[in-house]
């Protein structure tokens, strides 16, 4: 049997690298938010300090799972692995409750204004698209 090599379009690589950068920014955001120094916290407005301090532990745990799952999935896309889809599914499954919490159970809207609604919705939409994109890559034979 001959092993045919599936040609991957250039746009796939552009998307894969963009997604990797997006998720690495998520990892950076996780570290900035989770390991904020006392000095940096004190420099924030009181309302923002209160918001930071209001997040329960479970939101930090799911934040970690979401961003590291997304980063691992992105690496999977770059190295053309099917398991990228599983990593993106896990990430999405924890993104949803985290973003629901941000949207409906915090005062983020009072602190940041209407823009605080944009990021949670965008993160959920991108999470869904990443699950779809990895499934598409599997279907096309790009991910093995």
N, C-alpha and C. Protein backbone atom coordinates (compact mmCIF):
# COMPACT_ATOMS: atom_id res chain seq x y z
N UNK A 1 0.82 -1.20 0.00
CA UNK A 1 0.00 0.00 0.00
C UNK A 1 0.86 1.26 0.00
N UNK A 2 0.45 2.18 -0.78
CA UNK A 2 1.16 3.44 -0.84
C UNK A 2 0.59 4.41 0.18
N UNK A 3 1.47 5.06 0.91
CA UNK A 3 1.04 6.04 1.92
C UNK A 3 0.99 7.41 1.27
N UNK A 4 -0.22 7.88 0.98
CA UNK A 4 -0.38 9.20 0.36
C UNK A 4 -0.18 10.28 1.41
N UNK A 5 0.53 11.29 1.02
CA UNK A 5 0.74 12.44 1.90
C UNK A 5 -0.32 13.49 1.56
N UNK A 6 -1.10 13.89 2.57
CA UNK A 6 -2.14 14.88 2.37
C UNK A 6 -1.52 16.27 2.40
N UNK A 7 -1.76 17.04 1.34
CA UNK A 7 -1.23 18.40 1.28
C UNK A 7 -2.10 19.32 2.14
N UNK A 8 -1.44 20.02 3.03
CA UNK A 8 -2.13 20.96 3.91
C UNK A 8 -2.01 22.36 3.30
N UNK A 9 -3.13 23.07 3.16
CA UNK A 9 -3.06 24.41 2.56
C UNK A 9 -2.32 25.41 3.45
N UNK A 10 -1.76 26.42 2.81
CA UNK A 10 -1.00 27.45 3.55
C UNK A 10 -1.86 28.15 4.60
N UNK A 11 -3.14 28.37 4.27
CA UNK A 11 -4.01 29.07 5.22
C UNK A 11 -4.15 28.29 6.52
N UNK A 12 -4.05 26.96 6.47
CA UNK A 12 -4.10 26.16 7.70
C UNK A 12 -2.99 26.59 8.65
N UNK A 13 -1.78 26.74 8.10
CA UNK A 13 -0.64 27.11 8.94
C UNK A 13 -0.79 28.52 9.51
N UNK A 14 -1.37 29.41 8.73
CA UNK A 14 -1.62 30.77 9.22
C UNK A 14 -2.59 30.70 10.40
N UNK A 15 -3.66 29.95 10.24
CA UNK A 15 -4.64 29.80 11.32
C UNK A 15 -3.99 29.12 12.53
N UNK A 16 -3.23 28.05 12.31
CA UNK A 16 -2.61 27.31 13.41
C UNK A 16 -1.66 28.20 14.21
N UNK A 17 -0.85 28.99 13.53
CA UNK A 17 0.09 29.88 14.24
C UNK A 17 -0.67 30.98 14.97
N UNK A 18 -1.68 31.56 14.33
CA UNK A 18 -2.49 32.59 14.98
C UNK A 18 -3.14 32.03 16.26
N UNK A 19 -3.70 30.83 16.14
CA UNK A 19 -4.37 30.20 17.29
C UNK A 19 -3.37 29.93 18.41
N UNK A 20 -2.17 29.49 18.04
CA UNK A 20 -1.14 29.26 19.06
C UNK A 20 -0.79 30.57 19.77
N UNK A 21 -0.62 31.64 19.02
CA UNK A 21 -0.33 32.95 19.63
C UNK A 21 -1.49 33.41 20.52
N UNK A 22 -2.73 33.24 20.06
CA UNK A 22 -3.90 33.60 20.83
C UNK A 22 -3.90 32.86 22.18
N UNK A 23 -3.66 31.56 22.13
CA UNK A 23 -3.70 30.77 23.35
C UNK A 23 -2.50 31.03 24.25
N UNK A 24 -1.35 31.37 23.68
CA UNK A 24 -0.21 31.75 24.52
C UNK A 24 -0.49 33.09 25.23
N UNK A 25 -1.24 33.97 24.55
CA UNK A 25 -1.67 35.21 25.23
C UNK A 25 -2.61 34.86 26.38
N UNK A 26 -3.44 33.84 26.20
CA UNK A 26 -4.32 33.38 27.27
C UNK A 26 -3.53 32.87 28.46
N UNK A 27 -2.46 32.12 28.18
CA UNK A 27 -1.58 31.64 29.26
C UNK A 27 -0.97 32.84 29.98
N UNK A 28 -0.51 33.82 29.21
CA UNK A 28 0.05 35.03 29.82
C UNK A 28 -0.97 35.75 30.68
N UNK A 29 -2.18 35.85 30.19
CA UNK A 29 -3.25 36.49 30.96
C UNK A 29 -3.52 35.73 32.25
N UNK A 30 -3.51 34.42 32.17
CA UNK A 30 -3.71 33.60 33.37
C UNK A 30 -2.64 33.93 34.42
N UNK A 31 -1.38 33.95 34.01
CA UNK A 31 -0.31 34.25 34.96
C UNK A 31 -0.43 35.66 35.53
N UNK A 32 -0.74 36.62 34.68
CA UNK A 32 -0.88 38.01 35.14
C UNK A 32 -2.01 38.13 36.16
N UNK A 33 -3.16 37.51 35.85
CA UNK A 33 -4.31 37.61 36.75
C UNK A 33 -4.15 36.78 38.03
N UNK A 34 -3.53 35.63 37.91
CA UNK A 34 -3.44 34.73 39.05
C UNK A 34 -2.30 35.08 40.00
N UNK A 35 -1.21 35.55 39.44
CA UNK A 35 -0.03 35.80 40.26
C UNK A 35 0.29 37.29 40.34
N UNK A 36 -0.74 38.11 40.36
CA UNK A 36 -0.57 39.55 40.45
C UNK A 36 0.11 39.88 41.79
N UNK A 37 1.10 40.74 41.72
CA UNK A 37 1.81 41.10 42.94
C UNK A 37 0.96 42.05 43.79
N UNK A 38 1.29 42.12 45.06
CA UNK A 38 0.58 43.05 45.95
C UNK A 38 0.72 44.49 45.46
N UNK A 39 1.91 44.83 44.98
CA UNK A 39 2.14 46.19 44.47
C UNK A 39 1.25 46.49 43.27
N UNK A 40 1.18 45.54 42.34
CA UNK A 40 0.35 45.74 41.16
C UNK A 40 -1.12 45.82 41.55
N UNK A 41 -1.53 44.98 42.50
CA UNK A 41 -2.93 44.99 42.96
C UNK A 41 -3.26 46.35 43.59
N UNK A 42 -2.38 46.87 44.39
CA UNK A 42 -2.61 48.15 45.05
C UNK A 42 -2.68 49.31 44.06
N UNK A 43 -2.03 49.15 42.91
CA UNK A 43 -2.05 50.20 41.89
C UNK A 43 -3.38 50.25 41.13
N UNK A 44 -4.18 49.20 41.24
CA UNK A 44 -5.47 49.15 40.56
C UNK A 44 -6.51 49.98 41.31
N UNK A 45 -7.51 50.47 40.60
CA UNK A 45 -8.62 51.15 41.29
C UNK A 45 -9.29 50.17 42.27
N UNK A 46 -9.88 50.69 43.32
CA UNK A 46 -10.51 49.87 44.36
C UNK A 46 -11.56 48.92 43.77
N UNK A 47 -12.35 49.41 42.84
CA UNK A 47 -13.39 48.55 42.24
C UNK A 47 -12.77 47.35 41.54
N UNK A 48 -11.65 47.56 40.87
CA UNK A 48 -10.98 46.46 40.18
C UNK A 48 -10.33 45.51 41.18
N UNK A 49 -9.78 46.05 42.26
CA UNK A 49 -9.23 45.19 43.32
C UNK A 49 -10.32 44.30 43.91
N UNK A 50 -11.47 44.90 44.17
CA UNK A 50 -12.59 44.13 44.71
C UNK A 50 -13.03 43.03 43.74
N UNK A 51 -13.05 43.36 42.46
CA UNK A 51 -13.42 42.37 41.46
C UNK A 51 -12.43 41.21 41.46
N UNK A 52 -11.14 41.50 41.43
CA UNK A 52 -10.11 40.46 41.48
C UNK A 52 -10.30 39.57 42.71
N UNK A 53 -10.55 40.20 43.83
CA UNK A 53 -10.67 39.44 45.09
C UNK A 53 -11.98 38.68 45.21
N UNK A 54 -12.94 38.98 44.35
CA UNK A 54 -14.25 38.32 44.44
C UNK A 54 -14.29 36.97 43.74
N UNK A 55 -13.32 36.70 42.88
CA UNK A 55 -13.35 35.45 42.12
C UNK A 55 -13.08 34.25 43.03
N UNK A 56 -13.98 33.26 43.00
CA UNK A 56 -13.74 32.05 43.80
C UNK A 56 -12.62 31.20 43.20
N UNK A 57 -12.06 30.32 44.01
CA UNK A 57 -10.94 29.48 43.60
C UNK A 57 -11.27 28.67 42.34
N UNK A 58 -12.50 28.15 42.25
CA UNK A 58 -12.82 27.30 41.10
C UNK A 58 -12.65 28.03 39.78
N UNK A 59 -12.86 29.36 39.77
CA UNK A 59 -12.71 30.10 38.51
C UNK A 59 -11.25 30.16 38.10
N UNK A 60 -10.35 30.20 39.06
CA UNK A 60 -8.91 30.20 38.74
C UNK A 60 -8.48 28.83 38.22
N UNK A 61 -9.07 27.78 38.78
CA UNK A 61 -8.75 26.42 38.34
C UNK A 61 -9.23 26.20 36.91
N UNK A 62 -10.47 26.59 36.62
CA UNK A 62 -10.97 26.40 35.25
C UNK A 62 -10.27 27.34 34.27
N UNK A 63 -9.86 28.50 34.73
CA UNK A 63 -9.08 29.41 33.89
C UNK A 63 -7.79 28.70 33.45
N UNK A 64 -7.11 28.06 34.40
CA UNK A 64 -5.87 27.34 34.09
C UNK A 64 -6.14 26.21 33.09
N UNK A 65 -7.16 25.42 33.36
CA UNK A 65 -7.48 24.30 32.46
C UNK A 65 -7.82 24.82 31.06
N UNK A 66 -8.57 25.90 31.01
CA UNK A 66 -8.98 26.47 29.72
C UNK A 66 -7.78 26.94 28.90
N UNK A 67 -6.91 27.73 29.51
CA UNK A 67 -5.81 28.31 28.74
C UNK A 67 -4.73 27.28 28.42
N UNK A 68 -4.44 26.39 29.36
CA UNK A 68 -3.42 25.38 29.07
C UNK A 68 -3.98 24.33 28.11
N UNK A 69 -5.27 24.00 28.23
CA UNK A 69 -5.90 23.10 27.26
C UNK A 69 -5.88 23.70 25.87
N UNK A 70 -6.18 24.99 25.78
CA UNK A 70 -6.14 25.67 24.48
C UNK A 70 -4.73 25.73 23.91
N UNK A 71 -3.74 25.99 24.76
CA UNK A 71 -2.35 26.04 24.29
C UNK A 71 -1.89 24.66 23.82
N UNK A 72 -2.25 23.63 24.57
CA UNK A 72 -1.88 22.26 24.18
C UNK A 72 -2.57 21.90 22.86
N UNK A 73 -3.85 22.24 22.74
CA UNK A 73 -4.56 21.99 21.49
C UNK A 73 -3.91 22.72 20.32
N UNK A 74 -3.47 23.94 20.56
CA UNK A 74 -2.82 24.72 19.51
C UNK A 74 -1.50 24.09 19.08
N UNK A 75 -0.76 23.61 20.04
CA UNK A 75 0.49 22.89 19.72
C UNK A 75 0.14 21.65 18.89
N UNK A 76 -0.95 20.98 19.27
CA UNK A 76 -1.41 19.84 18.50
C UNK A 76 -1.71 20.19 17.05
N UNK A 77 -2.32 21.36 16.82
CA UNK A 77 -2.56 21.79 15.45
C UNK A 77 -1.26 21.99 14.69
N UNK A 78 -0.30 22.62 15.36
CA UNK A 78 0.98 22.92 14.70
C UNK A 78 1.73 21.63 14.36
N UNK A 79 1.65 20.63 15.23
CA UNK A 79 2.35 19.37 14.94
C UNK A 79 1.43 18.32 14.31
N UNK A 80 0.23 18.75 13.91
CA UNK A 80 -0.72 17.96 13.13
C UNK A 80 -1.19 16.69 13.85
N UNK A 81 -1.65 16.85 15.09
CA UNK A 81 -2.11 15.72 15.88
C UNK A 81 -3.62 15.79 16.11
N UNK A 82 -4.27 14.62 16.00
CA UNK A 82 -5.72 14.53 16.21
C UNK A 82 -6.12 14.91 17.63
N UNK A 83 -5.25 14.66 18.59
CA UNK A 83 -5.62 14.94 19.97
C UNK A 83 -5.84 16.43 20.23
N UNK A 84 -5.51 17.26 19.28
CA UNK A 84 -5.78 18.70 19.42
C UNK A 84 -7.27 18.92 19.68
N UNK A 85 -8.11 18.14 18.99
CA UNK A 85 -9.55 18.29 19.16
C UNK A 85 -9.96 18.00 20.60
N UNK A 86 -9.42 16.94 21.20
CA UNK A 86 -9.75 16.61 22.60
C UNK A 86 -9.33 17.73 23.54
N UNK A 87 -8.15 18.29 23.30
CA UNK A 87 -7.68 19.40 24.15
C UNK A 87 -8.61 20.60 24.01
N UNK A 88 -9.05 20.90 22.79
CA UNK A 88 -9.95 22.03 22.58
C UNK A 88 -11.33 21.78 23.20
N UNK A 89 -11.79 20.54 23.17
CA UNK A 89 -13.08 20.22 23.80
C UNK A 89 -13.00 20.42 25.30
N UNK A 90 -11.93 19.93 25.91
CA UNK A 90 -11.75 20.11 27.36
C UNK A 90 -11.70 21.60 27.69
N UNK A 91 -10.93 22.34 26.90
CA UNK A 91 -10.83 23.78 27.11
C UNK A 91 -12.20 24.45 27.02
N UNK A 92 -12.96 24.12 26.00
CA UNK A 92 -14.28 24.72 25.81
C UNK A 92 -15.22 24.36 26.96
N UNK A 93 -15.15 23.12 27.42
CA UNK A 93 -16.04 22.69 28.50
C UNK A 93 -15.81 23.47 29.80
N UNK A 94 -14.60 23.97 30.00
CA UNK A 94 -14.36 24.78 31.20
C UNK A 94 -14.46 26.28 30.92
N UNK A 95 -14.30 26.66 29.66
CA UNK A 95 -14.49 28.06 29.29
C UNK A 95 -15.93 28.49 29.56
N UNK A 96 -16.87 27.64 29.20
CA UNK A 96 -18.28 28.02 29.29
C UNK A 96 -18.70 28.41 30.71
N UNK A 97 -18.46 27.58 31.73
CA UNK A 97 -18.87 28.02 33.07
C UNK A 97 -18.07 29.24 33.56
N UNK A 98 -16.81 29.31 33.16
CA UNK A 98 -16.00 30.47 33.57
C UNK A 98 -16.56 31.76 32.99
N UNK A 99 -16.92 31.73 31.72
CA UNK A 99 -17.43 32.94 31.08
C UNK A 99 -18.85 33.27 31.55
N UNK A 100 -19.64 32.24 31.83
CA UNK A 100 -20.97 32.49 32.40
C UNK A 100 -20.82 33.19 33.75
N UNK A 101 -19.86 32.73 34.54
CA UNK A 101 -19.60 33.37 35.83
C UNK A 101 -19.21 34.84 35.63
N UNK A 102 -18.27 35.06 34.69
CA UNK A 102 -17.82 36.44 34.42
C UNK A 102 -18.97 37.34 33.97
N UNK A 103 -19.82 36.81 33.11
CA UNK A 103 -20.90 37.62 32.55
C UNK A 103 -22.03 37.90 33.54
N UNK A 104 -22.39 36.89 34.33
CA UNK A 104 -23.62 37.00 35.12
C UNK A 104 -23.45 37.01 36.64
N UNK A 105 -22.27 36.68 37.13
CA UNK A 105 -22.11 36.56 38.57
C UNK A 105 -20.99 37.42 39.14
N UNK A 106 -20.52 38.38 38.36
CA UNK A 106 -19.55 39.35 38.86
C UNK A 106 -20.04 40.75 38.52
N UNK A 107 -19.34 41.73 39.05
CA UNK A 107 -19.68 43.11 38.70
C UNK A 107 -18.71 43.65 37.65
N UNK A 108 -18.17 42.76 36.80
CA UNK A 108 -17.21 43.17 35.77
C UNK A 108 -17.78 44.26 34.86
N UNK A 109 -19.08 44.19 34.59
CA UNK A 109 -19.69 45.21 33.74
C UNK A 109 -19.63 46.59 34.40
N UNK A 110 -19.80 46.62 35.71
CA UNK A 110 -19.72 47.89 36.43
C UNK A 110 -18.29 48.43 36.44
N UNK A 111 -17.33 47.51 36.50
CA UNK A 111 -15.91 47.91 36.59
C UNK A 111 -15.35 48.29 35.22
N UNK A 112 -15.62 47.47 34.21
CA UNK A 112 -15.00 47.66 32.90
C UNK A 112 -15.94 48.22 31.83
N UNK A 113 -17.23 48.26 32.13
CA UNK A 113 -18.18 48.77 31.15
C UNK A 113 -18.61 47.69 30.16
N UNK A 114 -19.27 48.12 29.09
CA UNK A 114 -19.82 47.16 28.12
C UNK A 114 -18.77 46.25 27.48
N UNK A 115 -17.53 46.70 27.40
CA UNK A 115 -16.48 45.88 26.80
C UNK A 115 -16.28 44.57 27.56
N UNK A 116 -16.70 44.53 28.82
CA UNK A 116 -16.55 43.31 29.63
C UNK A 116 -17.43 42.18 29.12
N UNK A 117 -18.39 42.49 28.28
CA UNK A 117 -19.26 41.47 27.70
C UNK A 117 -18.61 40.88 26.44
N UNK A 118 -17.83 41.69 25.74
CA UNK A 118 -17.25 41.28 24.47
C UNK A 118 -16.27 40.12 24.64
N UNK A 119 -15.35 40.22 25.58
CA UNK A 119 -14.31 39.20 25.71
C UNK A 119 -14.87 37.83 26.06
N UNK A 120 -15.75 37.69 27.04
CA UNK A 120 -16.29 36.36 27.32
C UNK A 120 -17.00 35.73 26.12
N UNK A 121 -17.77 36.53 25.39
CA UNK A 121 -18.47 36.00 24.22
C UNK A 121 -17.46 35.61 23.14
N UNK A 122 -16.46 36.44 22.93
CA UNK A 122 -15.43 36.16 21.94
C UNK A 122 -14.66 34.88 22.30
N UNK A 123 -14.34 34.69 23.57
CA UNK A 123 -13.60 33.51 24.00
C UNK A 123 -14.43 32.25 23.75
N UNK A 124 -15.72 32.30 24.06
CA UNK A 124 -16.59 31.13 23.81
C UNK A 124 -16.68 30.85 22.31
N UNK A 125 -16.88 31.88 21.50
CA UNK A 125 -16.98 31.68 20.05
C UNK A 125 -15.69 31.10 19.49
N UNK A 126 -14.56 31.62 19.91
CA UNK A 126 -13.27 31.10 19.44
C UNK A 126 -13.09 29.65 19.90
N UNK A 127 -13.50 29.35 21.14
CA UNK A 127 -13.42 27.96 21.62
C UNK A 127 -14.23 27.01 20.75
N UNK A 128 -15.43 27.42 20.39
CA UNK A 128 -16.28 26.59 19.51
C UNK A 128 -15.62 26.44 18.14
N UNK A 129 -15.09 27.53 17.61
CA UNK A 129 -14.43 27.47 16.30
C UNK A 129 -13.20 26.57 16.32
N UNK A 130 -12.48 26.53 17.43
CA UNK A 130 -11.29 25.68 17.51
C UNK A 130 -11.67 24.20 17.53
N UNK A 131 -12.75 23.87 18.22
CA UNK A 131 -13.24 22.48 18.18
C UNK A 131 -13.63 22.14 16.75
N UNK A 132 -14.37 23.02 16.09
CA UNK A 132 -14.78 22.79 14.71
C UNK A 132 -13.56 22.67 13.79
N UNK A 133 -12.60 23.59 13.93
CA UNK A 133 -11.44 23.61 13.05
C UNK A 133 -10.61 22.34 13.19
N UNK A 134 -10.43 21.87 14.41
CA UNK A 134 -9.66 20.64 14.61
C UNK A 134 -10.42 19.44 14.05
N UNK A 135 -11.75 19.41 14.21
CA UNK A 135 -12.55 18.33 13.62
C UNK A 135 -12.46 18.37 12.09
N UNK A 136 -12.47 19.57 11.52
CA UNK A 136 -12.33 19.75 10.08
C UNK A 136 -10.96 19.24 9.61
N UNK A 137 -9.93 19.56 10.39
CA UNK A 137 -8.57 19.08 10.06
C UNK A 137 -8.47 17.57 10.10
N UNK A 138 -9.17 16.95 11.04
CA UNK A 138 -9.20 15.48 11.11
C UNK A 138 -9.92 14.92 9.88
N UNK A 139 -11.07 15.50 9.56
CA UNK A 139 -11.85 15.05 8.41
C UNK A 139 -11.07 15.15 7.11
N UNK A 140 -10.29 16.23 6.98
CA UNK A 140 -9.50 16.44 5.77
C UNK A 140 -8.22 15.59 5.74
N UNK A 141 -7.92 14.95 6.87
CA UNK A 141 -6.70 14.13 6.94
C UNK A 141 -5.43 14.91 7.25
N UNK A 142 -5.60 16.15 7.71
CA UNK A 142 -4.44 16.98 8.05
C UNK A 142 -3.89 16.63 9.41
N UNK A 143 -4.76 16.17 10.30
CA UNK A 143 -4.34 15.79 11.66
C UNK A 143 -4.35 14.28 11.75
N UNK A 144 -3.27 13.73 12.22
CA UNK A 144 -3.14 12.26 12.31
C UNK A 144 -3.03 11.82 13.76
